[in-house]
Amino acid sequence: MAGFEFANPMAMPASFIAMCCMFLFHGGFVDIVVINILPHFSGSPLRGWEPTTEPEKAPMQRRFMAENLAYALLRLIGPVLFIRSMPVYLLCIISYLLEGSSISWEINFYNGTKEGLPPATMMALFSTWVLLTLHFNQNDFIPDVDPNIFKVMCVSVGLTWLALIMTLIGLFKKPTDVALLPQK
């Protein structure tokens, strides 16, 4: 099993460089900058966040921010520090499954909006990207390909696509008139 090895783009195949760029874009830019840093520019994060004054910093939004920060750290730090470790990529794929399932759950059970569809689609595409990069394993970059881990990765990617399909089904089942929704 491959241990600690820092990612060196000069010694990596192009497919792994592209995958790491995807991790950097999704984890670094989207999850950290857009979701976690930009909401802080409207005021100091040190004062109390009241939903009535700053809804983007309500407790639910802060949990969403923390969840995405955890995913980002997993997807950025793991592959950077353990670049040749198949279990690290399994964790990345499972994180995509968890995030895709969370989006589907929100849309199907909590009246989530269609804005969840692009990230749900990204989860399916990115998990597939990681799986295909490892499947082709350019230049045998991953030295110890474990077929059992790969099977778990395949199932996880399939479940991520199922979560996307369930997201689509949930969106198509929604009534077009919000007034028709039951009020509590």
C-alpha atoms as a PDB file:
ATOM      1  CA  MET A   1       0.000   0.000   0.000  1.00  0.00           C
ATOM      2  CA  ALA A   2       1.410   3.384  -0.974  1.00  0.00           C
ATOM      3  CA  GLY A   3       2.175   5.697   1.910  1.00  0.00           C
ATOM      4  CA  PHE A   4       2.945   9.375   2.224  1.00  0.00           C
ATOM      5  CA  GLU A   5       4.144  10.892  -1.007  1.00  0.00           C
ATOM      6  CA  PHE A   6       3.704  14.549  -1.875  1.00  0.00           C
ATOM      7  CA  ALA A   7       2.174  15.273  -5.290  1.00  0.00           C
ATOM      8  CA  ASN A   8       4.808  16.386  -7.780  1.00  0.00           C
ATOM      9  CA  PRO A   9       3.257  17.504 -11.087  1.00  0.00           C
ATOM     10  CA  MET A  10       6.591  16.999 -12.856  1.00  0.00           C
ATOM     11  CA  ALA A  11       6.482  13.273 -12.033  1.00  0.00           C
ATOM     12  CA  MET A  12       2.764  12.663 -12.583  1.00  0.00           C
ATOM     13  CA  PRO A  13       0.950  11.459 -15.705  1.00  0.00           C
ATOM     14  CA  ALA A  14      -1.268  14.026 -17.416  1.00  0.00           C
ATOM     15  CA  SER A  15      -4.463  12.231 -16.348  1.00  0.00           C
ATOM     16  CA  PHE A  16      -3.532  12.547 -12.678  1.00  0.00           C
ATOM     17  CA  ILE A  17      -2.514  16.199 -13.119  1.00  0.00           C
ATOM     18  CA  ALA A  18      -5.920  16.904 -14.702  1.00  0.00           C
ATOM     19  CA  MET A  19      -7.695  15.102 -11.850  1.00  0.00           C
ATOM     20  CA  CYS A  20      -5.733  17.104  -9.262  1.00  0.00           C
ATOM     21  CA  CYS A  21      -6.683  20.315 -11.093  1.00  0.00           C
ATOM     22  CA  MET A  22     -10.317  19.217 -10.815  1.00  0.00           C
ATOM     23  CA  PHE A  23      -9.843  18.628  -7.071  1.00  0.00           C
ATOM     24  CA  LEU A  24      -8.271  22.072  -6.804  1.00  0.00           C
ATOM     25  CA  PHE A  25     -11.111  23.757  -8.707  1.00  0.00           C
ATOM     26  CA  HIS A  26     -13.931  21.982  -6.909  1.00  0.00           C
ATOM     27  CA  GLY A  27     -12.410  21.743  -3.447  1.00  0.00           C
ATOM     28  CA  GLY A  28     -10.254  24.856  -3.423  1.00  0.00           C
ATOM     29  CA  PHE A  29     -12.275  27.344  -5.408  1.00  0.00           C
ATOM     30  CA  VAL A  30     -15.914  26.242  -5.149  1.00  0.00           C
ATOM     31  CA  ASP A  31     -15.983  24.723  -1.645  1.00  0.00           C
ATOM     32  CA  ILE A  32     -13.490  26.984   0.105  1.00  0.00           C
ATOM     33  CA  VAL A  33     -13.595  30.330  -1.709  1.00  0.00           C
ATOM     34  CA  VAL A  34     -17.186  30.528  -2.990  1.00  0.00           C
ATOM     35  CA  ILE A  35     -19.001  28.681  -0.210  1.00  0.00           C
ATOM     36  CA  ASN A  36     -16.829  29.487   2.820  1.00  0.00           C
ATOM     37  CA  ILE A  37     -14.958  32.749   2.220  1.00  0.00           C
ATOM     38  CA  LEU A  38     -17.269  34.936   0.133  1.00  0.00           C
ATOM     39  CA  PRO A  39     -20.114  34.973   2.727  1.00  0.00           C
ATOM     40  CA  HIS A  40     -17.709  36.600   5.197  1.00  0.00           C
ATOM     41  CA  PHE A  41     -17.251  39.739   3.121  1.00  0.00           C
ATOM     42  CA  SER A  42     -20.589  41.220   4.164  1.00  0.00           C
ATOM     43  CA  GLY A  43     -19.449  41.576   7.778  1.00  0.00           C
ATOM     44  CA  SER A  44     -17.224  40.282  10.522  1.00  0.00           C
ATOM     45  CA  PRO A  45     -17.469  36.543  11.190  1.00  0.00           C
ATOM     46  CA  LEU A  46     -16.617  37.263  14.828  1.00  0.00           C
ATOM     47  CA  ARG A  47     -19.956  38.823  15.682  1.00  0.00           C
ATOM     48  CA  GLY A  48     -23.087  36.738  16.173  1.00  0.00           C
ATOM     49  CA  TRP A  49     -24.844  35.646  13.014  1.00  0.00           C
ATOM     50  CA  GLU A  50     -28.538  36.183  13.274  1.00  0.00           C
ATOM     51  CA  PRO A  51     -30.669  34.696  10.509  1.00  0.00           C
ATOM     52  CA  THR A  52     -32.849  37.808  10.433  1.00  0.00           C
ATOM     53  CA  THR A  53     -29.958  40.114   9.591  1.00  0.00           C
ATOM     54  CA  GLU A  54     -27.751  37.823   7.490  1.00  0.00           C
ATOM     55  CA  PRO A  55     -29.655  34.792   6.175  1.00  0.00           C
ATOM     56  CA  GLU A  56     -26.590  33.482   4.339  1.00  0.00           C
ATOM     57  CA  LYS A  57     -25.014  32.920   7.764  1.00  0.00           C
ATOM     58  CA  ALA A  58     -27.956  31.196   9.473  1.00  0.00           C
ATOM     59  CA  PRO A  59     -27.148  27.988  11.416  1.00  0.00           C
ATOM     60  CA  MET A  60     -28.222  25.779   8.498  1.00  0.00           C
ATOM     61  CA  GLN A  61     -25.964  27.715   6.124  1.00  0.00           C
ATOM     62  CA  ARG A  62     -23.035  27.483   8.546  1.00  0.00           C
ATOM     63  CA  ARG A  63     -23.480  23.691   8.705  1.00  0.00           C
ATOM     64  CA  PHE A  64     -23.532  23.614   4.890  1.00  0.00           C
ATOM     65  CA  MET A  65     -20.330  25.671   4.873  1.00  0.00           C
ATOM     66  CA  ALA A  66     -18.642  23.332   7.360  1.00  0.00           C
ATOM     67  CA  GLU A  67     -19.737  20.245   5.410  1.00  0.00           C
ATOM     68  CA  ASN A  68     -18.283  21.612   2.180  1.00  0.00           C
ATOM     69  CA  LEU A  69     -15.087  22.654   3.936  1.00  0.00           C
ATOM     70  CA  ALA A  70     -14.659  19.094   5.233  1.00  0.00           C
ATOM     71  CA  TYR A  71     -15.211  17.676   1.739  1.00  0.00           C
ATOM     72  CA  ALA A  72     -12.749  20.178   0.303  1.00  0.00           C
ATOM     73  CA  LEU A  73     -10.042  19.343   2.823  1.00  0.00           C
ATOM     74  CA  LEU A  74     -10.500  15.625   2.194  1.00  0.00           C
ATOM     75  CA  ARG A  75     -10.337  16.063  -1.576  1.00  0.00           C
ATOM     76  CA  LEU A  76      -7.397  18.476  -1.482  1.00  0.00           C
ATOM     77  CA  ILE A  77      -5.149  17.265   1.303  1.00  0.00           C
ATOM     78  CA  GLY A  78      -5.568  13.512   0.766  1.00  0.00           C
ATOM     79  CA  PRO A  79      -4.498  13.404  -2.897  1.00  0.00           C
ATOM     80  CA  VAL A  80      -1.749  15.985  -2.351  1.00  0.00           C
ATOM     81  CA  LEU A  81      -0.124  14.085   0.519  1.00  0.00           C
ATOM     82  CA  PHE A  82      -0.902  10.527  -0.598  1.00  0.00           C
ATOM     83  CA  ILE A  83      -0.881  10.893  -4.376  1.00  0.00           C
ATOM     84  CA  ARG A  84      -0.378   7.181  -5.100  1.00  0.00           C
ATOM     85  CA  SER A  85      -2.808   5.815  -2.515  1.00  0.00           C
ATOM     86  CA  MET A  86      -5.901   4.110  -3.845  1.00  0.00           C
ATOM     87  CA  PRO A  87      -7.764   4.316  -0.480  1.00  0.00           C
ATOM     88  CA  VAL A  88      -7.464   8.117  -0.631  1.00  0.00           C
ATOM     89  CA  TYR A  89      -9.236   8.159  -3.989  1.00  0.00           C
ATOM     90  CA  LEU A  90     -11.861   5.784  -2.599  1.00  0.00           C
ATOM     91  CA  LEU A  91     -12.543   8.340   0.148  1.00  0.00           C
ATOM     92  CA  CYS A  92     -12.808  11.087  -2.479  1.00  0.00           C
ATOM     93  CA  ILE A  93     -15.354   9.057  -4.447  1.00  0.00           C
ATOM     94  CA  ILE A  94     -17.323   8.259  -1.300  1.00  0.00           C
ATOM     95  CA  SER A  95     -17.344  11.977  -0.434  1.00  0.00           C
ATOM     96  CA  TYR A  96     -18.922  12.640  -3.840  1.00  0.00           C
ATOM     97  CA  LEU A  97     -21.520   9.950  -3.109  1.00  0.00           C
ATOM     98  CA  LEU A  98     -22.310  11.497   0.284  1.00  0.00           C
ATOM     99  CA  GLU A  99     -22.618  14.993  -1.139  1.00  0.00           C
ATOM    100  CA  GLY A 100     -24.739  13.806  -4.073  1.00  0.00           C
ATOM    101  CA  SER A 101     -26.985  11.828  -1.710  1.00  0.00           C
ATOM    102  CA  SER A 102     -27.325  14.834   0.570  1.00  0.00           C
ATOM    103  CA  ILE A 103     -28.453  17.000  -2.358  1.00  0.00           C
ATOM    104  CA  SER A 104     -30.935  14.353  -3.496  1.00  0.00           C
ATOM    105  CA  TRP A 105     -32.294  14.005   0.027  1.00  0.00           C
ATOM    106  CA  GLU A 106     -32.731  17.755   0.326  1.00  0.00           C
ATOM    107  CA  ILE A 107     -34.608  17.981  -2.984  1.00  0.00           C
ATOM    108  CA  ASN A 108     -36.796  14.921  -2.427  1.00  0.00           C
ATOM    109  CA  PHE A 109     -37.679  15.335   1.241  1.00  0.00           C
ATOM    110  CA  TYR A 110     -37.143  18.997   2.126  1.00  0.00           C
ATOM    111  CA  ASN A 111     -38.436  20.802  -0.938  1.00  0.00           C
ATOM    112  CA  GLY A 112     -34.983  21.722  -2.203  1.00  0.00           C
ATOM    113  CA  THR A 113     -34.804  23.868  -5.297  1.00  0.00           C
ATOM    114  CA  LYS A 114     -33.453  23.217  -8.785  1.00  0.00           C
ATOM    115  CA  GLU A 115     -30.223  25.008  -7.798  1.00  0.00           C
ATOM    116  CA  GLY A 116     -29.116  21.664  -6.370  1.00  0.00           C
ATOM    117  CA  LEU A 117     -29.036  20.034  -9.793  1.00  0.00           C
ATOM    118  CA  PRO A 118     -25.671  21.458 -11.010  1.00  0.00           C
ATOM    119  CA  PRO A 119     -23.767  20.327  -7.889  1.00  0.00           C
ATOM    120  CA  ALA A 120     -25.497  16.917  -7.991  1.00  0.00           C
ATOM    121  CA  THR A 121     -24.385  16.575 -11.599  1.00  0.00           C
ATOM    122  CA  MET A 122     -20.849  17.614 -10.658  1.00  0.00           C
ATOM    123  CA  MET A 123     -20.728  14.878  -7.993  1.00  0.00           C
ATOM    124  CA  ALA A 124     -21.604  12.202 -10.563  1.00  0.00           C
ATOM    125  CA  LEU A 125     -19.185  13.549 -13.163  1.00  0.00           C
ATOM    126  CA  PHE A 126     -16.290  14.086 -10.759  1.00  0.00           C
ATOM    127  CA  SER A 127     -16.671  10.643  -9.143  1.00  0.00           C
ATOM    128  CA  THR A 128     -16.642   9.117 -12.627  1.00  0.00           C
ATOM    129  CA  TRP A 129     -13.564  11.170 -13.507  1.00  0.00           C
ATOM    130  CA  VAL A 130     -11.656   9.806 -10.499  1.00  0.00           C
ATOM    131  CA  LEU A 131     -12.774   6.239 -11.252  1.00  0.00           C
ATOM    132  CA  LEU A 132     -11.710   6.455 -14.903  1.00  0.00           C
ATOM    133  CA  THR A 133      -8.370   8.020 -14.009  1.00  0.00           C
ATOM    134  CA  LEU A 134      -7.646   5.100 -11.696  1.00  0.00           C
ATOM    135  CA  HIS A 135      -9.058   2.536 -14.115  1.00  0.00           C
ATOM    136  CA  PHE A 136      -6.659   3.572 -16.863  1.00  0.00           C
ATOM    137  CA  ASN A 137      -3.847   4.174 -14.313  1.00  0.00           C
ATOM    138  CA  GLN A 138      -1.592   5.855 -16.829  1.00  0.00           C
ATOM    139  CA  ASN A 139       2.040   4.652 -16.577  1.00  0.00           C
ATOM    140  CA  ASP A 140       1.013   2.426 -13.631  1.00  0.00           C
ATOM    141  CA  PHE A 141       1.084   5.534 -11.458  1.00  0.00           C
ATOM    142  CA  ILE A 142      -0.832   3.777  -8.677  1.00  0.00           C
ATOM    143  CA  PRO A 143       1.530   0.889  -7.845  1.00  0.00           C
ATOM    144  CA  ASP A 144      -0.836  -1.248  -5.774  1.00  0.00           C
ATOM    145  CA  VAL A 145      -4.194  -1.414  -7.540  1.00  0.00           C
ATOM    146  CA  ASP A 146      -6.504  -3.307  -5.220  1.00  0.00           C
ATOM    147  CA  PRO A 147      -9.366  -4.910  -7.174  1.00  0.00           C
ATOM    148  CA  ASN A 148     -11.601  -4.986  -4.080  1.00  0.00           C
ATOM    149  CA  ILE A 149     -11.194  -1.266  -3.493  1.00  0.00           C
ATOM    150  CA  PHE A 150     -11.846  -0.677  -7.187  1.00  0.00           C
ATOM    151  CA  LYS A 151     -15.116  -2.640  -6.950  1.00  0.00           C
ATOM    152  CA  VAL A 152     -16.221  -0.491  -4.011  1.00  0.00           C
ATOM    153  CA  MET A 153     -15.319   2.585  -6.075  1.00  0.00           C
ATOM    154  CA  CYS A 154     -17.438   1.312  -8.991  1.00  0.00           C
ATOM    155  CA  VAL A 155     -20.429   0.711  -6.730  1.00  0.00           C
ATOM    156  CA  SER A 156     -19.993   4.147  -5.129  1.00  0.00           C
ATOM    157  CA  VAL A 157     -19.883   5.861  -8.519  1.00  0.00           C
ATOM    158  CA  GLY A 158     -22.986   3.944  -9.595  1.00  0.00           C
ATOM    159  CA  LEU A 159     -24.769   5.047  -6.414  1.00  0.00           C
ATOM    160  CA  THR A 160     -23.697   8.638  -7.055  1.00  0.00           C
ATOM    161  CA  TRP A 161     -25.338   8.464 -10.490  1.00  0.00           C
ATOM    162  CA  LEU A 162     -28.419   6.936  -8.843  1.00  0.00           C
ATOM    163  CA  ALA A 163     -28.497   9.903  -6.448  1.00  0.00           C
ATOM    164  CA  LEU A 164     -28.424  12.221  -9.482  1.00  0.00           C
ATOM    165  CA  ILE A 165     -31.294  10.300 -11.086  1.00  0.00           C
ATOM    166  CA  MET A 166     -33.272  10.544  -7.839  1.00  0.00           C
ATOM    167  CA  THR A 167     -32.527  14.281  -7.773  1.00  0.00           C
ATOM    168  CA  LEU A 168     -33.965  14.614 -11.283  1.00  0.00           C
ATOM    169  CA  ILE A 169     -37.021  12.572 -10.335  1.00  0.00           C
ATOM    170  CA  GLY A 170     -37.547  14.764  -7.278  1.00  0.00           C
ATOM    171  CA  LEU A 171     -37.343  17.917  -9.362  1.00  0.00           C
ATOM    172  CA  PHE A 172     -39.800  16.637 -11.971  1.00  0.00           C
ATOM    173  CA  LYS A 173     -42.305  15.572  -9.303  1.00  0.00           C
ATOM    174  CA  LYS A 174     -42.429  19.032  -7.741  1.00  0.00           C
ATOM    175  CA  PRO A 175     -45.609  21.016  -8.317  1.00  0.00           C
ATOM    176  CA  THR A 176     -45.119  24.093 -10.449  1.00  0.00           C
ATOM    177  CA  ASP A 177     -47.234  26.214  -8.133  1.00  0.00           C
ATOM    178  CA  VAL A 178     -45.608  26.640  -4.729  1.00  0.00           C
ATOM    179  CA  ALA A 179     -49.015  27.498  -3.228  1.00  0.00           C
ATOM    180  CA  LEU A 180     -50.012  23.867  -3.724  1.00  0.00           C
ATOM    181  CA  LEU A 181     -47.394  22.683  -1.238  1.00  0.00           C
ATOM    182  CA  PRO A 182     -48.716  21.754   2.200  1.00  0.00           C
ATOM    183  CA  GLN A 183     -48.203  24.463   4.793  1.00  0.00           C
ATOM    184  CA  LYS A 184     -47.173  23.561   8.327  1.00  0.00           C
END
